[in-house]
Amino acid sequence: MRRRLVTLLATGALFATAAAGAQDLGDRFKAFVDQVNGDDSTSAARQLPESEVVSGLKAALADGASAAVTQLGRSDGFWGDEARRIALPGWMDSAAGMLRQAGYGERLDGLQLHMNRAAEQATAEAGPILRETINAMSVTDALAVLRGSDTAATEYLRDHAGEALADKFEPIVARTTAQSQAASAYRALTSRAKPMLSFVPGMDLNLDDYVTRQALDGLFAVIGEQERAIRENPAERGTALLKKVFSATSS
C-alpha cells in the first residue's frame, strides 16, 4: 500500500482579514493624531520634531504587527481564512485528486489541518521579535520607510526580522506536525520517493520548512495589506497624522 502511495505521489509530482477586534495599522496612527492634530496639516507636519515622527511610526508599526500576529496566531487564524489557509505542498496538491481516489483523502485533510495549526502556533510567538526589530530602527531607517514604497515598512520588517522569525517558527512547526500521523507518513513517503522527486523543480520535500515559509508569507502579507491600505487611502485610516508625517519627511 505504501509503495503504491509513493508511486502515486511521484506520478502526481511529475505531471503535475482581519480578525474581529484586531487592531490594524491605522488604529495607532489614529490615536497618535490626537496629539498632533491641527487645522493646517502641512504646517503642523513641518513643526513635528523628527524624533516624534519616528516614535509615532514605530508605535504604529508595532501595533500593526501585533494586529497581524493576533489575526493569524489564533485557532483558525490560517485554517479558517481561505485567503491565508496553507495548501498542501504544490506537488502533493497537484496529485491530491489521484490520491483521494486511491483512498487517502482523510490523511490529506489531516495533514493540511496540522500544517495550518502549526503555522498558527508559530505565528503566535512572532510578537517579541517584531517589536524588537521595530524598536531597533534607526532614525535614518524610519525616515526611509516613510518615504519608501507602499510596503516599505513590511519589507523592512521582513529583511530585518525574517531570519530570526524563521528560526523561531521552525521548531514550533516541527513539534506540532510531529503530533500528526499524516505528517509522519508524509515524511516517510517523501524520504522513500526522494530519489524520484528531488530533480523536479519547485519540489517541497521538507514539510517543516515549507510550513515555516508559508507562515511567514502569510504574516507579512497581512502586515503589507494594512500598510498598503493606509498609504493608498489615508483618509479612511488616520489621515491627519499620515498627511503630517509624510509631508514632514518628504520636504
Protein backbone atom coordinates (compact mmCIF):
# COMPACT_ATOMS: atom_id res chain seq x y z
CA MET A 1 0.00 0.00 0.00
CA ARG A 2 2.80 2.39 0.94
CA ARG A 3 4.68 1.56 -2.26
CA ARG A 4 1.50 2.33 -4.20
CA LEU A 5 1.20 5.70 -2.48
CA VAL A 6 4.83 6.54 -3.26
CA THR A 7 4.17 5.77 -6.91
CA LEU A 8 1.06 7.94 -6.90
CA LEU A 9 2.91 10.81 -5.25
CA ALA A 10 5.77 10.61 -7.70
CA THR A 11 3.43 10.45 -10.68
CA GLY A 12 1.39 13.39 -9.47
CA ALA A 13 4.52 15.38 -8.85
CA LEU A 14 5.95 14.74 -12.23
CA PHE A 15 2.73 15.60 -14.09
CA ALA A 16 1.65 17.86 -12.16
CA THR A 17 -8.88 39.62 7.15
CA ALA A 18 -8.89 40.74 9.58
CA ALA A 19 -9.95 39.07 12.83
CA ALA A 20 -12.83 40.72 14.78
CA GLY A 21 -11.40 43.24 17.19
CA ALA A 22 -7.87 43.05 15.82
CA GLN A 23 -6.20 46.44 15.84
CA ASP A 24 -4.93 47.36 12.40
CA LEU A 25 -2.03 49.53 11.42
CA GLY A 26 -4.24 52.59 11.14
CA ASP A 27 -5.52 52.44 14.72
CA ARG A 28 -2.26 53.60 16.24
CA PHE A 29 -1.98 56.39 13.70
CA LYS A 30 -5.49 57.43 14.59
CA ALA A 31 -4.64 57.54 18.29
CA PHE A 32 -1.43 59.43 17.65
CA VAL A 33 -3.21 62.03 15.55
CA ASP A 34 -4.94 63.38 18.66
CA GLN A 35 -1.55 64.55 19.89
CA VAL A 36 -0.57 66.42 16.76
CA ASN A 37 -3.83 67.37 15.06
CA GLY A 38 -4.15 70.91 13.75
CA ASP A 39 -6.04 72.96 11.19
CA ASP A 40 -3.16 73.13 8.73
CA SER A 41 -1.80 69.61 8.18
CA THR A 42 1.19 70.65 6.12
CA SER A 43 2.17 73.41 8.51
CA ALA A 44 1.80 71.14 11.52
CA ALA A 45 3.84 68.46 9.79
CA ARG A 46 6.79 70.73 9.34
CA GLN A 47 6.70 71.55 13.04
CA LEU A 48 6.82 67.89 14.14
CA PRO A 49 10.15 67.01 15.73
CA GLU A 50 11.91 64.26 13.84
CA SER A 51 12.02 62.12 16.97
CA GLU A 52 8.24 62.42 17.36
CA VAL A 53 7.62 61.42 13.76
CA VAL A 54 9.86 58.38 14.18
CA SER A 55 8.37 57.35 17.51
CA GLY A 56 4.88 57.70 16.05
CA LEU A 57 5.82 55.49 13.12
CA LYS A 58 7.38 52.88 15.41
CA ALA A 59 4.33 52.76 17.64
CA ALA A 60 2.04 52.39 14.64
CA LEU A 61 4.19 49.62 13.17
CA ALA A 62 4.32 47.80 16.49
CA ASP A 63 0.55 47.82 16.79
CA GLY A 64 0.12 46.85 13.14
CA ALA A 65 2.46 43.91 13.57
CA SER A 66 0.64 42.95 16.76
CA ALA A 67 -2.66 43.02 14.87
CA ALA A 68 -1.29 40.63 12.24
CA VAL A 69 0.00 38.28 14.94
CA THR A 70 -3.37 38.42 16.69
CA GLN A 71 -5.22 37.73 13.47
CA LEU A 72 -3.15 34.75 12.37
CA GLY A 73 -1.74 33.43 15.64
CA ARG A 74 -5.03 32.08 16.95
CA SER A 75 -7.06 28.96 16.30
CA ASP A 76 -8.33 29.15 12.72
CA GLY A 77 -6.15 32.19 12.00
CA PHE A 78 -4.80 30.36 8.96
CA TRP A 79 -7.17 27.43 8.69
CA GLY A 80 -10.34 29.50 8.94
CA ASP A 81 -9.21 32.15 6.46
CA GLU A 82 -9.46 30.93 2.88
CA ALA A 83 -7.04 33.61 1.70
CA ARG A 84 -4.40 32.57 4.26
CA ARG A 85 -5.04 28.84 4.52
CA ILE A 86 -1.85 26.95 3.75
CA ALA A 87 -2.30 24.48 0.93
CA LEU A 88 -0.66 21.10 0.70
CA PRO A 89 2.83 21.29 -0.81
CA GLY A 90 2.48 22.08 -4.50
CA TRP A 91 3.38 18.68 -5.86
CA MET A 92 1.07 16.92 -3.41
CA ASP A 93 -1.71 19.39 -4.07
CA SER A 94 -1.40 18.62 -7.77
CA ALA A 95 -1.70 14.91 -7.08
CA ALA A 96 -4.49 15.32 -4.49
CA GLY A 97 -7.28 14.20 -6.83
CA MET A 98 -5.48 10.98 -7.66
CA LEU A 99 -4.60 10.38 -4.01
CA ARG A 100 -8.19 10.91 -2.88
CA GLN A 101 -9.42 8.43 -5.45
CA ALA A 102 -6.92 5.99 -4.00
CA GLY A 103 -8.44 6.44 -0.53
CA TYR A 104 -6.02 8.92 1.01
CA GLY A 105 -8.43 11.86 1.34
CA GLU A 106 -8.68 11.67 5.13
CA ARG A 107 -4.91 11.66 5.50
CA LEU A 108 -4.55 14.61 3.17
CA ASP A 109 -7.13 16.61 5.13
CA GLY A 110 -5.46 15.72 8.42
CA LEU A 111 -2.06 16.75 7.11
CA GLN A 112 -3.32 20.10 5.84
CA LEU A 113 -5.09 20.85 9.12
CA HIS A 114 -1.96 20.11 11.16
CA MET A 115 0.12 22.28 8.83
CA ASN A 116 -2.19 25.22 9.44
CA ARG A 117 -2.36 24.61 13.19
CA ALA A 118 1.43 24.58 13.25
CA ALA A 119 1.54 27.92 11.41
CA GLU A 120 -0.96 29.42 13.87
CA GLN A 121 1.04 28.31 16.90
CA ALA A 122 4.30 29.56 15.41
CA THR A 123 2.88 32.94 14.38
CA ALA A 124 1.55 33.50 17.90
CA GLU A 125 5.19 33.71 19.03
CA ALA A 126 6.24 36.35 16.49
CA GLY A 127 5.40 39.45 18.54
CA PRO A 128 8.60 39.89 20.59
CA ILE A 129 10.88 39.57 17.55
CA LEU A 130 8.84 42.06 15.54
CA ARG A 131 8.75 44.54 18.43
CA GLU A 132 12.49 44.23 18.97
CA THR A 133 13.12 44.86 15.27
CA ILE A 134 10.89 47.92 15.25
CA ASN A 135 12.46 49.33 18.41
CA ALA A 136 15.90 48.92 16.88
CA MET A 137 15.04 51.02 13.80
CA SER A 138 17.34 53.98 13.42
CA VAL A 139 16.05 57.44 12.58
CA THR A 140 17.50 57.02 9.10
CA ASP A 141 15.73 53.68 8.61
CA ALA A 142 12.42 55.04 9.87
CA LEU A 143 12.53 58.07 7.60
CA ALA A 144 13.47 55.84 4.64
CA VAL A 145 10.44 53.68 5.40
CA LEU A 146 8.17 56.72 5.49
CA ARG A 147 9.46 57.86 2.10
CA GLY A 148 9.51 54.37 0.63
CA SER A 149 7.17 52.16 -1.37
CA ASP A 150 3.67 51.22 -0.30
CA THR A 151 5.09 48.22 1.56
CA ALA A 152 8.41 49.71 2.67
CA ALA A 153 7.73 49.04 6.36
CA THR A 154 6.70 45.46 5.66
CA GLU A 155 9.80 44.90 3.55
CA TYR A 156 11.96 46.39 6.30
CA LEU A 157 10.46 44.02 8.87
CA ARG A 158 10.90 41.02 6.61
CA ASP A 159 14.50 41.92 5.78
CA HIS A 160 15.47 42.52 9.40
CA ALA A 161 13.27 40.02 11.26
CA GLY A 162 12.61 37.28 8.70
CA GLU A 163 15.58 35.09 9.56
CA ALA A 164 15.02 35.32 13.31
CA LEU A 165 11.33 34.54 12.82
CA ALA A 166 12.14 31.50 10.67
CA ASP A 167 14.50 30.23 13.39
CA LYS A 168 11.73 30.77 15.95
CA PHE A 169 8.97 29.23 13.84
CA GLU A 170 10.58 26.03 12.59
CA PRO A 171 10.94 24.15 15.90
CA ILE A 172 7.37 25.08 16.83
CA VAL A 173 6.18 23.84 13.46
CA ALA A 174 8.20 20.65 13.85
CA ARG A 175 6.73 19.92 17.29
CA THR A 176 3.19 20.48 16.06
CA THR A 177 3.44 18.48 12.86
CA ALA A 178 5.16 15.67 14.77
CA GLN A 179 1.83 15.08 16.52
CA SER A 180 0.19 14.23 13.20
CA GLN A 181 0.30 10.67 11.93
CA ALA A 182 -0.34 12.06 8.47
CA ALA A 183 2.76 14.24 8.73
CA SER A 184 4.82 11.27 9.89
CA ALA A 185 3.57 9.27 6.93
CA TYR A 186 4.37 12.20 4.65
CA ARG A 187 7.97 12.29 5.87
CA ALA A 188 8.39 8.55 5.48
CA LEU A 189 6.94 8.56 2.00
CA THR A 190 8.87 11.56 0.74
CA SER A 191 12.04 10.03 2.13
CA ARG A 192 11.44 6.94 0.02
CA ALA A 193 10.31 8.92 -3.01
CA LYS A 194 13.11 11.48 -2.79
CA PRO A 195 15.25 9.88 -5.50
CA MET A 196 12.31 10.20 -7.92
CA LEU A 197 11.10 13.62 -6.75
CA SER A 198 14.19 15.65 -5.89
CA PHE A 199 15.01 16.52 -9.50
CA VAL A 200 11.57 18.09 -10.11
CA PRO A 201 11.78 21.93 -9.96
CA GLY A 202 9.98 23.59 -7.05
CA MET A 203 9.67 20.37 -5.10
CA ASP A 204 8.90 20.91 -1.39
CA LEU A 205 10.09 17.79 0.38
CA ASN A 206 10.83 19.31 3.81
CA LEU A 207 7.42 19.75 5.38
CA ASP A 208 8.54 21.91 8.32
CA ASP A 209 10.50 24.24 6.07
CA TYR A 210 7.50 24.54 3.76
CA VAL A 211 5.07 25.36 6.57
CA THR A 212 7.52 27.85 8.11
CA ARG A 213 7.90 29.72 4.83
CA GLN A 214 4.15 29.72 4.25
CA ALA A 215 3.52 31.04 7.77
CA LEU A 216 6.00 33.88 7.23
CA ASP A 217 4.45 34.69 3.86
CA GLY A 218 1.02 34.89 5.48
CA LEU A 219 2.21 37.07 8.34
CA PHE A 220 3.95 39.61 6.13
CA ALA A 221 1.10 39.57 3.64
CA VAL A 222 -1.29 40.74 6.36
CA ILE A 223 1.10 43.44 7.56
CA GLY A 224 1.62 44.52 3.95
CA GLU A 225 -2.11 44.75 3.26
CA GLN A 226 -2.57 47.06 6.22
CA GLU A 227 0.36 49.26 5.26
CA ARG A 228 -0.74 49.47 1.64
CA ALA A 229 -4.29 50.42 2.59
CA ILE A 230 -3.05 53.28 4.76
CA ARG A 231 -0.71 54.64 2.12
CA GLU A 232 -3.31 54.37 -0.64
CA ASN A 233 -6.19 55.86 1.29
CA PRO A 234 -5.08 57.58 4.49
CA ALA A 235 -8.40 59.46 4.56
CA GLU A 236 -10.04 56.36 5.97
CA ARG A 237 -7.20 55.13 8.14
CA GLY A 238 -5.79 58.04 10.15
CA THR A 239 -5.40 60.74 7.52
CA ALA A 240 -4.36 63.70 9.69
CA LEU A 241 -1.26 62.14 11.10
CA LEU A 242 -0.30 60.45 7.87
CA LYS A 243 -0.52 63.68 5.92
CA LYS A 244 1.58 65.44 8.53
CA VAL A 245 4.16 62.67 8.75
CA PHE A 246 4.59 62.20 5.01
CA SER A 247 4.61 65.94 4.45
CA ALA A 248 7.24 66.38 7.13
CA THR A 249 9.50 63.68 5.72
CA SER A 250 9.16 64.50 2.03
CA SER A 251 10.07 68.18 2.25
